[in-house]
N, C-alpha and C. Protein backbone atom coordinates (compact mmCIF):
# COMPACT_ATOMS: atom_id res chain seq x y z
N MET A 1 -5.51 15.88 -18.75
CA MET A 1 -4.94 15.47 -17.47
C MET A 1 -3.45 15.82 -17.44
N LYS A 2 -2.95 16.09 -16.25
CA LYS A 2 -1.55 16.48 -16.10
C LYS A 2 -0.60 15.31 -16.36
N TYR A 3 -1.05 14.08 -16.05
CA TYR A 3 -0.24 12.88 -16.21
C TYR A 3 -0.95 11.87 -17.10
N ARG A 4 -0.17 10.93 -17.63
CA ARG A 4 -0.76 9.82 -18.38
C ARG A 4 -1.10 8.64 -17.48
N LEU A 5 -0.38 8.54 -16.33
CA LEU A 5 -0.54 7.39 -15.43
C LEU A 5 -0.50 7.83 -13.98
N ALA A 6 -1.45 7.33 -13.20
CA ALA A 6 -1.45 7.50 -11.75
C ALA A 6 -1.20 6.14 -11.12
N VAL A 7 -0.11 6.03 -10.34
CA VAL A 7 0.24 4.78 -9.66
C VAL A 7 -0.14 4.94 -8.19
N PHE A 8 -1.00 4.05 -7.71
CA PHE A 8 -1.50 4.13 -6.34
C PHE A 8 -0.87 3.07 -5.45
N ASP A 9 -0.56 3.44 -4.21
CA ASP A 9 -0.34 2.49 -3.14
C ASP A 9 -1.70 1.86 -2.81
N MET A 10 -1.71 0.75 -2.08
CA MET A 10 -2.99 0.12 -1.76
C MET A 10 -3.43 0.38 -0.32
N ASP A 11 -2.69 -0.12 0.67
CA ASP A 11 -3.09 0.01 2.08
C ASP A 11 -3.08 1.47 2.51
N GLY A 12 -4.21 1.96 2.98
CA GLY A 12 -4.27 3.32 3.50
C GLY A 12 -4.41 4.38 2.44
N THR A 13 -4.39 3.99 1.17
CA THR A 13 -4.50 4.95 0.08
C THR A 13 -5.80 4.76 -0.69
N ILE A 14 -6.02 3.57 -1.22
CA ILE A 14 -7.29 3.30 -1.91
C ILE A 14 -8.18 2.36 -1.10
N LEU A 15 -7.56 1.54 -0.24
CA LEU A 15 -8.34 0.60 0.58
C LEU A 15 -8.06 0.79 2.06
N TYR A 16 -9.14 0.78 2.85
CA TYR A 16 -9.01 0.67 4.30
C TYR A 16 -8.83 -0.81 4.61
N THR A 17 -7.64 -1.18 5.04
CA THR A 17 -7.31 -2.59 5.29
C THR A 17 -6.90 -2.85 6.73
N LEU A 18 -6.93 -1.80 7.55
CA LEU A 18 -6.30 -1.88 8.87
C LEU A 18 -6.87 -2.99 9.74
N LYS A 19 -8.20 -3.11 9.84
CA LYS A 19 -8.76 -4.10 10.75
C LYS A 19 -8.36 -5.52 10.38
N ASP A 20 -8.37 -5.84 9.10
CA ASP A 20 -7.98 -7.20 8.69
C ASP A 20 -6.50 -7.46 8.95
N ILE A 21 -5.65 -6.44 8.76
CA ILE A 21 -4.23 -6.60 9.07
C ILE A 21 -4.03 -6.79 10.57
N VAL A 22 -4.71 -5.97 11.37
CA VAL A 22 -4.60 -6.08 12.83
C VAL A 22 -5.09 -7.44 13.31
N ASP A 23 -6.24 -7.86 12.82
CA ASP A 23 -6.78 -9.16 13.23
C ASP A 23 -5.84 -10.30 12.84
N GLY A 24 -5.28 -10.23 11.63
CA GLY A 24 -4.38 -11.29 11.19
C GLY A 24 -3.08 -11.33 11.97
N LEU A 25 -2.52 -10.17 12.21
CA LEU A 25 -1.27 -10.13 12.95
C LEU A 25 -1.47 -10.58 14.39
N ASN A 26 -2.54 -10.14 15.02
CA ASN A 26 -2.78 -10.56 16.40
C ASN A 26 -3.11 -12.05 16.49
N TYR A 27 -3.78 -12.57 15.48
CA TYR A 27 -3.99 -14.02 15.42
C TYR A 27 -2.66 -14.75 15.41
N ALA A 28 -1.75 -14.30 14.55
CA ALA A 28 -0.45 -14.96 14.43
C ALA A 28 0.39 -14.79 15.70
N LEU A 29 0.34 -13.62 16.31
CA LEU A 29 1.08 -13.39 17.55
C LEU A 29 0.57 -14.30 18.67
N MET A 30 -0.73 -14.30 18.88
CA MET A 30 -1.29 -15.08 19.98
C MET A 30 -1.15 -16.58 19.74
N LYS A 31 -1.20 -17.00 18.49
CA LYS A 31 -0.99 -18.42 18.18
C LYS A 31 0.40 -18.88 18.60
N ASN A 32 1.35 -17.93 18.64
CA ASN A 32 2.72 -18.24 19.04
C ASN A 32 3.04 -17.75 20.45
N ASN A 33 1.97 -17.55 21.25
CA ASN A 33 2.10 -17.16 22.66
C ASN A 33 2.84 -15.84 22.84
N LEU A 34 2.60 -14.92 21.92
CA LEU A 34 3.18 -13.59 22.00
C LEU A 34 2.06 -12.58 22.26
N PRO A 35 2.38 -11.45 22.89
CA PRO A 35 1.34 -10.47 23.22
C PRO A 35 0.74 -9.80 22.00
N ALA A 36 -0.57 -9.59 22.06
CA ALA A 36 -1.26 -8.88 20.98
C ALA A 36 -0.86 -7.41 21.00
N ARG A 37 -1.08 -6.75 19.87
CA ARG A 37 -0.73 -5.33 19.73
C ARG A 37 -2.00 -4.53 19.44
N ASP A 38 -2.04 -3.28 19.88
CA ASP A 38 -3.23 -2.47 19.58
C ASP A 38 -3.16 -1.93 18.16
N ALA A 39 -4.32 -1.54 17.66
CA ALA A 39 -4.43 -1.14 16.25
C ALA A 39 -3.56 0.06 15.92
N ASP A 40 -3.45 1.01 16.83
CA ASP A 40 -2.67 2.21 16.54
C ASP A 40 -1.19 1.89 16.39
N ALA A 41 -0.70 0.98 17.23
CA ALA A 41 0.71 0.57 17.13
C ALA A 41 0.97 -0.14 15.81
N ILE A 42 0.07 -1.03 15.42
CA ILE A 42 0.22 -1.76 14.16
C ILE A 42 0.11 -0.82 12.97
N ARG A 43 -0.81 0.14 13.05
CA ARG A 43 -1.00 1.12 11.96
C ARG A 43 0.33 1.77 11.56
N ARG A 44 1.12 2.10 12.54
CA ARG A 44 2.36 2.83 12.28
C ARG A 44 3.46 1.94 11.68
N THR A 45 3.23 0.62 11.66
CA THR A 45 4.25 -0.29 11.13
C THR A 45 3.94 -0.76 9.71
N ILE A 46 2.79 -0.37 9.17
CA ILE A 46 2.38 -0.82 7.84
C ILE A 46 3.10 -0.02 6.76
N GLY A 47 3.57 -0.71 5.72
CA GLY A 47 4.14 0.00 4.59
C GLY A 47 5.40 -0.59 4.01
N ASN A 48 6.14 -1.34 4.82
CA ASN A 48 7.41 -1.91 4.34
C ASN A 48 7.32 -3.40 4.02
N GLY A 49 6.11 -3.93 3.92
CA GLY A 49 5.95 -5.35 3.63
C GLY A 49 5.66 -6.16 4.88
N ILE A 50 5.16 -7.38 4.66
CA ILE A 50 4.71 -8.22 5.77
C ILE A 50 5.85 -8.62 6.70
N ARG A 51 6.99 -8.97 6.13
CA ARG A 51 8.11 -9.41 6.97
C ARG A 51 8.53 -8.32 7.94
N MET A 52 8.65 -7.08 7.46
CA MET A 52 9.05 -5.99 8.34
C MET A 52 7.95 -5.68 9.35
N GLU A 53 6.71 -5.82 8.94
CA GLU A 53 5.59 -5.61 9.86
C GLU A 53 5.66 -6.60 11.03
N VAL A 54 5.97 -7.84 10.72
CA VAL A 54 6.13 -8.84 11.77
C VAL A 54 7.29 -8.48 12.68
N LYS A 55 8.43 -8.12 12.11
CA LYS A 55 9.61 -7.74 12.89
C LYS A 55 9.30 -6.62 13.88
N ARG A 56 8.52 -5.66 13.42
CA ARG A 56 8.23 -4.48 14.23
C ARG A 56 7.21 -4.74 15.32
N ASN A 57 6.51 -5.87 15.27
CA ASN A 57 5.45 -6.13 16.23
C ASN A 57 5.70 -7.31 17.16
N ILE A 58 6.76 -8.09 16.90
CA ILE A 58 7.12 -9.15 17.85
C ILE A 58 8.09 -8.58 18.89
N PRO A 59 8.15 -9.18 20.07
CA PRO A 59 9.11 -8.72 21.08
C PRO A 59 10.54 -8.77 20.55
N ALA A 60 11.37 -7.86 21.03
CA ALA A 60 12.74 -7.73 20.52
C ALA A 60 13.58 -8.97 20.74
N ASP A 61 13.23 -9.79 21.74
CA ASP A 61 14.04 -10.96 22.06
C ASP A 61 13.58 -12.23 21.33
N CYS A 62 12.65 -12.11 20.38
CA CYS A 62 12.20 -13.28 19.63
C CYS A 62 13.30 -13.79 18.71
N ASP A 63 13.40 -15.11 18.59
CA ASP A 63 14.41 -15.67 17.70
C ASP A 63 13.86 -15.76 16.27
N ALA A 64 14.74 -16.08 15.33
CA ALA A 64 14.38 -16.12 13.91
C ALA A 64 13.31 -17.15 13.63
N GLN A 65 13.34 -18.26 14.33
CA GLN A 65 12.36 -19.32 14.11
C GLN A 65 10.95 -18.84 14.47
N THR A 66 10.85 -18.12 15.60
CA THR A 66 9.55 -17.58 16.00
C THR A 66 9.06 -16.54 15.01
N GLU A 67 9.96 -15.68 14.56
CA GLU A 67 9.59 -14.68 13.55
C GLU A 67 9.05 -15.35 12.29
N ASP A 68 9.74 -16.40 11.84
CA ASP A 68 9.30 -17.12 10.64
C ASP A 68 7.92 -17.73 10.84
N LYS A 69 7.66 -18.23 12.04
CA LYS A 69 6.37 -18.86 12.33
C LYS A 69 5.25 -17.81 12.34
N VAL A 70 5.49 -16.67 12.96
CA VAL A 70 4.49 -15.60 12.96
C VAL A 70 4.21 -15.13 11.53
N PHE A 71 5.27 -14.97 10.75
CA PHE A 71 5.14 -14.57 9.34
C PHE A 71 4.28 -15.56 8.56
N ALA A 72 4.56 -16.84 8.73
CA ALA A 72 3.81 -17.88 8.01
C ALA A 72 2.36 -17.93 8.47
N ASP A 73 2.13 -17.82 9.78
CA ASP A 73 0.77 -17.88 10.31
C ASP A 73 -0.06 -16.68 9.85
N PHE A 74 0.58 -15.51 9.79
CA PHE A 74 -0.14 -14.34 9.29
C PHE A 74 -0.56 -14.54 7.84
N ASN A 75 0.37 -14.98 7.01
CA ASN A 75 0.07 -15.16 5.60
C ASN A 75 -1.03 -16.20 5.37
N GLU A 76 -0.97 -17.28 6.15
CA GLU A 76 -2.00 -18.32 6.02
C GLU A 76 -3.37 -17.75 6.36
N TRP A 77 -3.44 -16.97 7.46
CA TRP A 77 -4.72 -16.39 7.88
C TRP A 77 -5.18 -15.32 6.89
N TYR A 78 -4.27 -14.46 6.48
CA TYR A 78 -4.63 -13.31 5.66
C TYR A 78 -5.07 -13.72 4.26
N ALA A 79 -4.53 -14.83 3.76
CA ALA A 79 -4.94 -15.32 2.45
C ALA A 79 -6.43 -15.64 2.41
N VAL A 80 -6.99 -16.00 3.57
CA VAL A 80 -8.41 -16.35 3.66
C VAL A 80 -9.26 -15.15 4.06
N HIS A 81 -8.71 -14.27 4.89
CA HIS A 81 -9.50 -13.22 5.53
C HIS A 81 -9.16 -11.79 5.10
N CYS A 82 -8.41 -11.61 4.02
CA CYS A 82 -7.93 -10.27 3.68
C CYS A 82 -9.04 -9.31 3.29
N ALA A 83 -10.23 -9.82 2.99
CA ALA A 83 -11.33 -8.94 2.59
C ALA A 83 -12.49 -8.95 3.58
N ASP A 84 -12.26 -9.46 4.79
CA ASP A 84 -13.35 -9.54 5.77
C ASP A 84 -13.95 -8.17 6.08
N HIS A 85 -13.09 -7.19 6.38
CA HIS A 85 -13.55 -5.86 6.76
C HIS A 85 -12.99 -4.77 5.86
N THR A 86 -12.17 -5.15 4.90
CA THR A 86 -11.53 -4.20 4.00
C THR A 86 -12.56 -3.58 3.05
N LYS A 87 -12.36 -2.31 2.72
CA LYS A 87 -13.27 -1.62 1.79
C LYS A 87 -12.57 -0.41 1.20
N PRO A 88 -13.00 0.03 0.01
CA PRO A 88 -12.45 1.26 -0.56
C PRO A 88 -12.82 2.46 0.30
N TYR A 89 -11.94 3.42 0.37
CA TYR A 89 -12.26 4.67 1.05
C TYR A 89 -13.36 5.40 0.29
N ASP A 90 -14.13 6.18 1.01
CA ASP A 90 -15.20 6.96 0.39
C ASP A 90 -14.64 7.83 -0.73
N GLY A 91 -15.26 7.76 -1.87
CA GLY A 91 -14.88 8.60 -3.00
C GLY A 91 -13.85 8.00 -3.93
N ILE A 92 -13.24 6.89 -3.54
CA ILE A 92 -12.18 6.29 -4.36
C ILE A 92 -12.74 5.69 -5.65
N MET A 93 -13.84 4.97 -5.55
CA MET A 93 -14.40 4.36 -6.75
C MET A 93 -14.83 5.43 -7.76
N GLU A 94 -15.39 6.51 -7.25
CA GLU A 94 -15.80 7.61 -8.13
C GLU A 94 -14.57 8.27 -8.76
N LEU A 95 -13.51 8.45 -7.97
CA LEU A 95 -12.27 9.02 -8.49
C LEU A 95 -11.72 8.18 -9.62
N LEU A 96 -11.62 6.87 -9.41
CA LEU A 96 -11.05 5.99 -10.43
C LEU A 96 -11.90 5.98 -11.70
N ALA A 97 -13.22 6.03 -11.52
CA ALA A 97 -14.11 6.07 -12.68
C ALA A 97 -13.90 7.35 -13.48
N ARG A 98 -13.72 8.47 -12.80
CA ARG A 98 -13.49 9.75 -13.48
C ARG A 98 -12.16 9.76 -14.22
N LEU A 99 -11.14 9.17 -13.60
CA LEU A 99 -9.83 9.10 -14.26
C LEU A 99 -9.91 8.25 -15.52
N LYS A 100 -10.63 7.14 -15.40
CA LYS A 100 -10.78 6.25 -16.56
C LYS A 100 -11.52 6.96 -17.69
N GLU A 101 -12.58 7.68 -17.34
CA GLU A 101 -13.35 8.41 -18.34
C GLU A 101 -12.50 9.49 -19.03
N ALA A 102 -11.55 10.05 -18.28
CA ALA A 102 -10.69 11.09 -18.82
C ALA A 102 -9.54 10.52 -19.64
N GLY A 103 -9.43 9.19 -19.71
CA GLY A 103 -8.40 8.54 -20.50
C GLY A 103 -7.08 8.34 -19.78
N MET A 104 -7.07 8.50 -18.48
CA MET A 104 -5.85 8.34 -17.70
C MET A 104 -5.67 6.88 -17.29
N LYS A 105 -4.45 6.37 -17.43
CA LYS A 105 -4.14 5.02 -16.99
C LYS A 105 -3.93 5.02 -15.47
N THR A 106 -4.24 3.88 -14.84
CA THR A 106 -4.03 3.74 -13.39
C THR A 106 -3.40 2.39 -13.08
N ALA A 107 -2.63 2.35 -12.00
CA ALA A 107 -1.97 1.11 -11.57
C ALA A 107 -1.86 1.09 -10.06
N VAL A 108 -1.63 -0.09 -9.51
CA VAL A 108 -1.38 -0.28 -8.08
C VAL A 108 0.01 -0.87 -7.92
N VAL A 109 0.81 -0.27 -7.04
CA VAL A 109 2.11 -0.83 -6.65
C VAL A 109 2.16 -0.82 -5.13
N SER A 110 2.23 -2.00 -4.52
CA SER A 110 2.10 -2.12 -3.08
C SER A 110 3.11 -3.09 -2.51
N ASN A 111 3.55 -2.85 -1.26
CA ASN A 111 4.41 -3.81 -0.56
C ASN A 111 3.60 -4.92 0.10
N LYS A 112 2.28 -4.87 -0.02
CA LYS A 112 1.45 -5.99 0.43
C LYS A 112 1.80 -7.21 -0.43
N GLY A 113 1.72 -8.40 0.14
CA GLY A 113 1.99 -9.61 -0.62
C GLY A 113 1.21 -9.64 -1.91
N ASP A 114 1.85 -10.07 -2.99
CA ASP A 114 1.19 -10.03 -4.30
C ASP A 114 -0.08 -10.86 -4.32
N TYR A 115 -0.12 -11.96 -3.55
CA TYR A 115 -1.33 -12.79 -3.52
C TYR A 115 -2.52 -11.98 -3.04
N ALA A 116 -2.31 -11.11 -2.04
CA ALA A 116 -3.40 -10.28 -1.50
C ALA A 116 -3.71 -9.12 -2.43
N VAL A 117 -2.69 -8.52 -3.04
CA VAL A 117 -2.92 -7.43 -3.99
C VAL A 117 -3.80 -7.91 -5.14
N GLN A 118 -3.50 -9.08 -5.67
CA GLN A 118 -4.29 -9.60 -6.80
C GLN A 118 -5.72 -9.93 -6.37
N GLU A 119 -5.88 -10.52 -5.19
CA GLU A 119 -7.23 -10.87 -4.74
C GLU A 119 -8.06 -9.62 -4.46
N LEU A 120 -7.47 -8.65 -3.76
CA LEU A 120 -8.22 -7.43 -3.44
C LEU A 120 -8.48 -6.60 -4.69
N ASN A 121 -7.54 -6.58 -5.61
CA ASN A 121 -7.76 -5.88 -6.87
C ASN A 121 -8.93 -6.51 -7.63
N GLN A 122 -8.98 -7.81 -7.65
CA GLN A 122 -10.07 -8.51 -8.33
C GLN A 122 -11.41 -8.28 -7.62
N THR A 123 -11.38 -8.31 -6.28
CA THR A 123 -12.61 -8.18 -5.50
C THR A 123 -13.23 -6.80 -5.61
N TYR A 124 -12.41 -5.77 -5.49
CA TYR A 124 -12.94 -4.41 -5.41
C TYR A 124 -12.78 -3.58 -6.69
N PHE A 125 -11.79 -3.89 -7.51
CA PHE A 125 -11.46 -3.01 -8.63
C PHE A 125 -11.40 -3.74 -9.97
N ASN A 126 -12.07 -4.84 -10.09
CA ASN A 126 -11.96 -5.67 -11.28
C ASN A 126 -12.17 -4.85 -12.56
N GLY A 127 -11.14 -4.80 -13.38
CA GLY A 127 -11.24 -4.11 -14.65
C GLY A 127 -10.89 -2.64 -14.62
N ILE A 128 -10.68 -2.06 -13.45
CA ILE A 128 -10.40 -0.62 -13.36
C ILE A 128 -8.93 -0.33 -13.58
N PHE A 129 -8.06 -1.03 -12.84
CA PHE A 129 -6.63 -0.76 -12.94
C PHE A 129 -6.02 -1.45 -14.16
N ASP A 130 -5.08 -0.75 -14.78
CA ASP A 130 -4.40 -1.30 -15.94
C ASP A 130 -3.26 -2.23 -15.56
N ALA A 131 -2.78 -2.14 -14.31
CA ALA A 131 -1.73 -3.02 -13.80
C ALA A 131 -1.79 -3.04 -12.28
N ALA A 132 -1.39 -4.15 -11.69
CA ALA A 132 -1.34 -4.26 -10.22
C ALA A 132 -0.17 -5.17 -9.85
N LEU A 133 0.65 -4.71 -8.92
CA LEU A 133 1.84 -5.46 -8.53
C LEU A 133 2.05 -5.35 -7.02
N GLY A 134 2.23 -6.52 -6.38
CA GLY A 134 2.54 -6.56 -4.96
C GLY A 134 3.90 -7.18 -4.73
N GLU A 135 4.28 -7.30 -3.46
CA GLU A 135 5.60 -7.85 -3.13
C GLU A 135 5.68 -9.32 -3.52
N LYS A 136 6.75 -9.67 -4.23
CA LYS A 136 7.00 -11.06 -4.57
C LYS A 136 8.49 -11.24 -4.87
N GLU A 137 8.92 -12.48 -4.89
CA GLU A 137 10.33 -12.76 -5.12
C GLU A 137 10.77 -12.29 -6.49
N GLY A 138 12.02 -11.84 -6.55
CA GLY A 138 12.59 -11.47 -7.83
C GLY A 138 12.53 -10.00 -8.15
N ILE A 139 11.86 -9.21 -7.32
CA ILE A 139 11.80 -7.78 -7.55
C ILE A 139 11.84 -7.06 -6.21
N ALA A 140 12.73 -6.08 -6.10
CA ALA A 140 12.89 -5.37 -4.83
C ALA A 140 11.64 -4.57 -4.50
N LYS A 141 11.25 -4.61 -3.23
CA LYS A 141 10.05 -3.89 -2.82
C LYS A 141 10.35 -2.42 -2.56
N LYS A 142 9.30 -1.63 -2.44
CA LYS A 142 9.46 -0.22 -2.11
C LYS A 142 10.20 -0.08 -0.76
N PRO A 143 11.03 0.94 -0.59
CA PRO A 143 11.16 2.14 -1.41
C PRO A 143 12.11 2.03 -2.60
N ALA A 144 12.63 0.84 -2.90
CA ALA A 144 13.39 0.69 -4.15
C ALA A 144 12.45 1.02 -5.32
N PRO A 145 12.98 1.56 -6.41
CA PRO A 145 12.13 1.96 -7.53
C PRO A 145 11.74 0.82 -8.46
N ASP A 146 12.22 -0.39 -8.19
CA ASP A 146 12.08 -1.50 -9.14
C ASP A 146 10.63 -1.81 -9.53
N MET A 147 9.73 -1.81 -8.55
CA MET A 147 8.33 -2.14 -8.85
C MET A 147 7.69 -1.06 -9.74
N ILE A 148 8.00 0.19 -9.42
CA ILE A 148 7.51 1.29 -10.25
C ILE A 148 8.03 1.14 -11.67
N GLU A 149 9.33 0.90 -11.79
CA GLU A 149 9.96 0.79 -13.11
C GLU A 149 9.38 -0.37 -13.91
N ALA A 150 9.06 -1.48 -13.23
CA ALA A 150 8.47 -2.63 -13.92
C ALA A 150 7.11 -2.28 -14.51
N VAL A 151 6.30 -1.55 -13.73
CA VAL A 151 4.97 -1.16 -14.21
C VAL A 151 5.08 -0.17 -15.37
N LEU A 152 5.98 0.80 -15.24
CA LEU A 152 6.16 1.79 -16.31
C LEU A 152 6.62 1.13 -17.61
N LYS A 153 7.54 0.17 -17.49
CA LYS A 153 8.02 -0.54 -18.67
C LYS A 153 6.90 -1.34 -19.31
N LYS A 154 6.13 -2.03 -18.49
CA LYS A 154 5.02 -2.84 -19.00
C LYS A 154 4.01 -1.96 -19.76
N MET A 155 3.79 -0.75 -19.24
CA MET A 155 2.78 0.13 -19.82
C MET A 155 3.35 1.11 -20.84
N ASP A 156 4.68 1.07 -21.02
CA ASP A 156 5.36 1.95 -21.98
C ASP A 156 5.05 3.42 -21.72
N ILE A 157 5.26 3.82 -20.46
CA ILE A 157 5.02 5.20 -20.05
C ILE A 157 6.28 5.75 -19.40
N ARG A 158 6.65 6.98 -19.74
CA ARG A 158 7.84 7.61 -19.19
C ARG A 158 7.60 8.07 -17.75
N ILE A 159 8.67 8.09 -16.97
CA ILE A 159 8.56 8.45 -15.56
C ILE A 159 7.98 9.86 -15.39
N GLN A 160 8.32 10.78 -16.28
CA GLN A 160 7.84 12.15 -16.16
C GLN A 160 6.35 12.29 -16.48
N ASP A 161 5.77 11.24 -17.03
CA ASP A 161 4.35 11.25 -17.34
C ASP A 161 3.51 10.50 -16.30
N ALA A 162 4.14 10.15 -15.19
CA ALA A 162 3.46 9.39 -14.14
C ALA A 162 3.59 10.07 -12.79
N VAL A 163 2.65 9.79 -11.90
CA VAL A 163 2.68 10.31 -10.54
C VAL A 163 2.40 9.17 -9.57
N TYR A 164 3.08 9.20 -8.41
CA TYR A 164 2.84 8.16 -7.41
C TYR A 164 2.00 8.74 -6.27
N ILE A 165 1.00 8.00 -5.85
CA ILE A 165 0.06 8.45 -4.83
C ILE A 165 0.06 7.45 -3.68
N GLY A 166 0.39 7.91 -2.47
CA GLY A 166 0.47 7.01 -1.33
C GLY A 166 0.11 7.71 -0.03
N ASP A 167 0.43 7.04 1.08
CA ASP A 167 0.02 7.58 2.38
C ASP A 167 1.13 7.54 3.42
N SER A 168 2.36 7.20 3.03
CA SER A 168 3.40 7.01 4.04
C SER A 168 4.75 7.51 3.58
N GLU A 169 5.70 7.51 4.52
CA GLU A 169 7.07 7.90 4.20
C GLU A 169 7.70 6.93 3.20
N VAL A 170 7.25 5.69 3.20
CA VAL A 170 7.74 4.71 2.22
C VAL A 170 7.39 5.16 0.81
N ASP A 171 6.19 5.70 0.64
CA ASP A 171 5.76 6.17 -0.68
C ASP A 171 6.53 7.41 -1.11
N ILE A 172 6.83 8.28 -0.16
CA ILE A 172 7.64 9.46 -0.48
C ILE A 172 9.02 9.02 -0.98
N GLU A 173 9.63 8.09 -0.27
CA GLU A 173 10.96 7.59 -0.64
C GLU A 173 10.92 6.86 -1.99
N THR A 174 9.85 6.10 -2.21
CA THR A 174 9.72 5.36 -3.47
C THR A 174 9.66 6.31 -4.66
N ALA A 175 8.83 7.33 -4.56
CA ALA A 175 8.72 8.30 -5.64
C ALA A 175 10.04 9.03 -5.84
N ARG A 176 10.69 9.38 -4.75
CA ARG A 176 11.98 10.08 -4.85
C ARG A 176 13.01 9.19 -5.54
N ASN A 177 13.07 7.93 -5.16
CA ASN A 177 14.03 7.00 -5.76
C ASN A 177 13.74 6.74 -7.24
N ALA A 178 12.47 6.80 -7.60
CA ALA A 178 12.09 6.58 -9.00
C ALA A 178 12.22 7.85 -9.83
N GLY A 179 12.32 9.00 -9.16
CA GLY A 179 12.42 10.26 -9.87
C GLY A 179 11.10 10.75 -10.42
N MET A 180 10.00 10.49 -9.66
CA MET A 180 8.69 10.88 -10.14
C MET A 180 7.97 11.76 -9.13
N ASP A 181 6.94 12.47 -9.59
CA ASP A 181 6.14 13.30 -8.70
C ASP A 181 5.40 12.42 -7.70
N CYS A 182 5.06 13.02 -6.55
CA CYS A 182 4.40 12.27 -5.48
C CYS A 182 3.31 13.12 -4.84
N ILE A 183 2.16 12.49 -4.62
CA ILE A 183 1.05 13.11 -3.89
C ILE A 183 0.71 12.20 -2.72
N LEU A 184 0.57 12.76 -1.53
CA LEU A 184 0.20 11.99 -0.34
C LEU A 184 -1.25 12.25 0.01
N VAL A 185 -1.93 11.19 0.47
CA VAL A 185 -3.31 11.34 0.94
C VAL A 185 -3.30 11.46 2.47
N GLY A 186 -4.21 12.29 2.96
CA GLY A 186 -4.24 12.55 4.39
C GLY A 186 -5.13 11.63 5.20
N TRP A 187 -5.76 10.64 4.54
CA TRP A 187 -6.69 9.76 5.25
C TRP A 187 -6.08 8.39 5.57
N GLY A 188 -4.79 8.20 5.34
CA GLY A 188 -4.17 6.89 5.47
C GLY A 188 -3.63 6.57 6.85
N TYR A 189 -2.53 5.82 6.88
CA TYR A 189 -2.03 5.23 8.13
C TYR A 189 -0.92 6.01 8.81
N ARG A 190 -0.64 7.22 8.32
CA ARG A 190 0.35 8.08 8.97
C ARG A 190 -0.28 9.41 9.33
N ASP A 191 0.20 10.01 10.41
CA ASP A 191 -0.26 11.34 10.80
C ASP A 191 0.38 12.38 9.89
N GLN A 192 -0.31 13.49 9.70
CA GLN A 192 0.18 14.51 8.78
C GLN A 192 1.55 15.03 9.18
N GLU A 193 1.77 15.21 10.48
CA GLU A 193 3.08 15.72 10.89
C GLU A 193 4.21 14.75 10.53
N ASP A 194 3.92 13.45 10.54
CA ASP A 194 4.92 12.45 10.15
C ASP A 194 5.22 12.55 8.66
N LEU A 195 4.19 12.79 7.86
CA LEU A 195 4.38 12.93 6.42
C LEU A 195 5.20 14.18 6.09
N LEU A 196 4.90 15.27 6.78
CA LEU A 196 5.64 16.51 6.55
C LEU A 196 7.10 16.35 6.96
N ALA A 197 7.31 15.67 8.08
CA ALA A 197 8.68 15.44 8.55
C ALA A 197 9.46 14.57 7.57
N ALA A 198 8.75 13.70 6.86
CA ALA A 198 9.40 12.81 5.90
C ALA A 198 9.64 13.48 4.55
N GLY A 199 9.16 14.70 4.40
CA GLY A 199 9.42 15.43 3.16
C GLY A 199 8.25 15.55 2.22
N ALA A 200 7.03 15.28 2.70
CA ALA A 200 5.85 15.40 1.84
C ALA A 200 5.69 16.84 1.36
N LYS A 201 5.47 17.01 0.06
CA LYS A 201 5.28 18.33 -0.52
C LYS A 201 3.81 18.63 -0.75
N VAL A 202 3.04 17.60 -1.10
CA VAL A 202 1.62 17.78 -1.40
C VAL A 202 0.82 16.72 -0.65
N ILE A 203 -0.13 17.16 0.18
CA ILE A 203 -1.02 16.24 0.91
C ILE A 203 -2.45 16.66 0.61
N VAL A 204 -3.25 15.72 0.12
CA VAL A 204 -4.65 16.03 -0.19
C VAL A 204 -5.56 15.49 0.90
N ALA A 205 -6.70 16.17 1.06
CA ALA A 205 -7.64 15.80 2.12
C ALA A 205 -8.81 14.96 1.62
N SER A 206 -8.97 14.87 0.28
CA SER A 206 -10.12 14.14 -0.26
C SER A 206 -9.81 13.65 -1.67
N PRO A 207 -10.53 12.62 -2.12
CA PRO A 207 -10.38 12.18 -3.51
C PRO A 207 -10.71 13.28 -4.52
N GLU A 208 -11.66 14.14 -4.18
CA GLU A 208 -12.01 15.24 -5.07
C GLU A 208 -10.82 16.18 -5.25
N GLU A 209 -10.14 16.49 -4.15
CA GLU A 209 -8.95 17.34 -4.23
C GLU A 209 -7.85 16.65 -5.03
N LEU A 210 -7.73 15.35 -4.88
CA LEU A 210 -6.75 14.59 -5.64
C LEU A 210 -7.05 14.67 -7.13
N TYR A 211 -8.30 14.51 -7.50
CA TYR A 211 -8.69 14.59 -8.90
C TYR A 211 -8.32 15.94 -9.50
N GLU A 212 -8.55 17.00 -8.75
CA GLU A 212 -8.25 18.35 -9.26
C GLU A 212 -6.76 18.50 -9.53
N LEU A 213 -5.91 17.87 -8.72
CA LEU A 213 -4.48 17.95 -8.93
C LEU A 213 -4.04 17.14 -10.15
N LEU A 214 -4.74 16.05 -10.41
CA LEU A 214 -4.38 15.19 -11.53
C LEU A 214 -4.86 15.75 -12.87
């Protein structure tokens, strides 16, 4: 294998999570008498963590108290319903099994709340990933390199022996800030032209193509 470690983003990269995120956010918005948002609009806001997602989907004139309430209501709902409609993308389980058989380490680094990362990792990928880390206090979220560096340190792997795999401009920036190679998947939550505009160098169309690159 070209690398010792493949670090994956979660939302839009290994898991289709959009419907559960949309349902949770619209639940929180409507509970606070705010207008619901369509799935395509929400899709484009995913990637910078829950707080930023809320900021991008509430009306511009909302006060901080309302923002905090929407944030809390989303988290309360999502903690219960994060796996209602979520599922691995076609070919992902086979890809991860092949990487494991080839002796390659794998990890997840996501701006999704760590509580959801751990639950979804346990539900769908129990025993496959060697490490999984989501957004939590005490460590800067992507695109800062801190989460990547924490995983690399834990696994004792050099940055040049790892690759980051994601689906958004946040992942491109994260890999750039960490000084590591980056591969983008074309089936996630950003349009290809947006990825190219953000500086994507390599975009794959399938897990099989991704495996060949690794």
